[in-house]
Amino acid sequence: MECHSRKITQVDGCAITMDLRGHGDSDWSHGGDYELSDFSEDVAFLIDTLEIQPSLVGASLGGLVGICLEGRYSSGSFSSSAR
C-alpha cells in the first residue's frame, strides 16, 4: 500500500486503509464465519460515514470486496481496481 499512498498524495489525494474483519490487527469473532457481504458492508459503512467518492484498490479478497461494492453503488460513484 505504501507505493500507492505515495502516488495518491502526489495528485492531492488521501489514502485510507482498513483491516477487514478477522484480518490484520482487527478482532476475529468467535461466533462464526464471515461472509463476503460482511466485508463489503463494512467498507460501504466507511464510505458512507466519511461521505467520500473513493477509488478502491484491492488484491485478492480486497478485490472481491471491491467487485461486491460496485453492485451497491450507482455507476460513477467510485472507481475500483480489482486484481
Protein backbone atom coordinates (compact mmCIF):
# COMPACT_ATOMS: atom_id res chain seq x y z
CA MET A 1 0.00 0.00 0.00
CA GLU A 2 2.92 2.32 0.61
CA CYS A 3 3.67 2.69 -3.12
CA HIS A 4 0.01 3.53 -3.80
CA SER A 5 -0.02 6.06 -0.95
CA ARG A 6 2.92 7.94 -2.43
CA LYS A 7 1.25 8.14 -5.85
CA ILE A 8 -2.09 9.20 -4.37
CA THR A 9 -0.59 12.04 -2.35
CA GLN A 10 1.24 13.26 -5.46
CA VAL A 11 -2.16 14.04 -7.03
CA ASP A 12 -3.52 15.79 -3.90
CA GLY A 13 -5.31 12.70 -2.60
CA CYS A 14 -5.53 10.76 0.62
CA ALA A 15 -5.00 7.03 1.23
CA ILE A 16 -7.24 5.28 3.75
CA THR A 17 -6.52 1.67 4.62
CA MET A 18 -8.52 -0.69 6.78
CA ASP A 19 -8.21 -4.21 8.08
CA LEU A 20 -11.18 -6.36 7.17
CA ARG A 21 -12.88 -8.29 9.98
CA GLY A 22 -10.64 -11.08 11.19
CA HIS A 23 -7.66 -9.84 9.15
CA GLY A 24 -4.59 -7.80 10.09
CA ASP A 25 -4.95 -6.21 13.52
CA SER A 26 -8.76 -6.50 13.66
CA ASP A 27 -10.51 -8.89 16.03
CA TRP A 28 -11.98 -12.22 14.96
CA SER A 29 -15.48 -13.02 16.16
CA HIS A 30 -15.73 -16.49 17.62
CA GLY A 31 -19.44 -16.51 16.75
CA GLY A 32 -18.99 -17.80 13.23
CA ASP A 33 -17.51 -17.29 9.82
CA TYR A 34 -17.63 -14.03 7.92
CA GLU A 35 -19.33 -13.67 4.56
CA LEU A 36 -18.07 -11.56 1.67
CA SER A 37 -21.13 -9.36 2.19
CA ASP A 38 -19.94 -8.60 5.76
CA PHE A 39 -16.70 -7.18 4.40
CA SER A 40 -18.38 -5.14 1.68
CA GLU A 41 -20.91 -3.76 4.19
CA ASP A 42 -18.03 -2.65 6.44
CA VAL A 43 -16.34 -0.82 3.58
CA ALA A 44 -19.67 0.69 2.47
CA PHE A 45 -20.24 1.92 6.04
CA LEU A 46 -16.84 3.63 5.99
CA ILE A 47 -17.53 5.22 2.58
CA ASP A 48 -20.96 6.46 3.70
CA THR A 49 -19.70 7.70 7.08
CA LEU A 50 -16.84 9.65 5.54
CA GLU A 51 -19.10 10.86 2.69
CA ILE A 52 -16.41 10.21 0.09
CA GLN A 53 -16.27 9.04 -3.51
CA PRO A 54 -13.25 6.77 -3.31
CA SER A 55 -11.02 4.98 -5.74
CA LEU A 56 -10.77 1.47 -4.35
CA VAL A 57 -7.69 -0.69 -4.76
CA GLY A 58 -7.86 -4.30 -3.66
CA ALA A 59 -5.94 -7.50 -4.25
CA SER A 60 -7.33 -11.00 -3.76
CA LEU A 61 -10.07 -10.73 -1.08
CA GLY A 62 -9.93 -6.92 -1.25
CA GLY A 63 -10.55 -7.14 -4.99
CA LEU A 64 -13.64 -9.30 -4.40
CA VAL A 65 -14.92 -6.78 -1.87
CA GLY A 66 -14.47 -4.02 -4.47
CA ILE A 67 -16.44 -6.02 -7.03
CA CYS A 68 -19.27 -6.52 -4.49
CA LEU A 69 -19.33 -2.79 -3.80
CA GLU A 70 -19.70 -1.96 -7.49
CA GLY A 71 -23.16 -3.54 -7.39
CA ARG A 72 -24.16 -1.49 -4.36
CA TYR A 73 -23.40 1.99 -5.67
CA SER A 74 -24.59 3.78 -8.78
CA SER A 75 -22.35 3.93 -11.80
CA GLY A 76 -19.62 6.53 -11.41
CA SER A 77 -19.80 6.65 -7.59
CA PHE A 78 -16.27 5.34 -7.33
CA SER A 79 -13.56 3.73 -9.38
CA SER A 80 -12.01 0.41 -8.50
CA SER A 81 -9.03 -1.65 -9.45
CA ALA A 82 -9.69 -5.28 -8.54
CA ARG A 83 -6.98 -7.86 -9.12
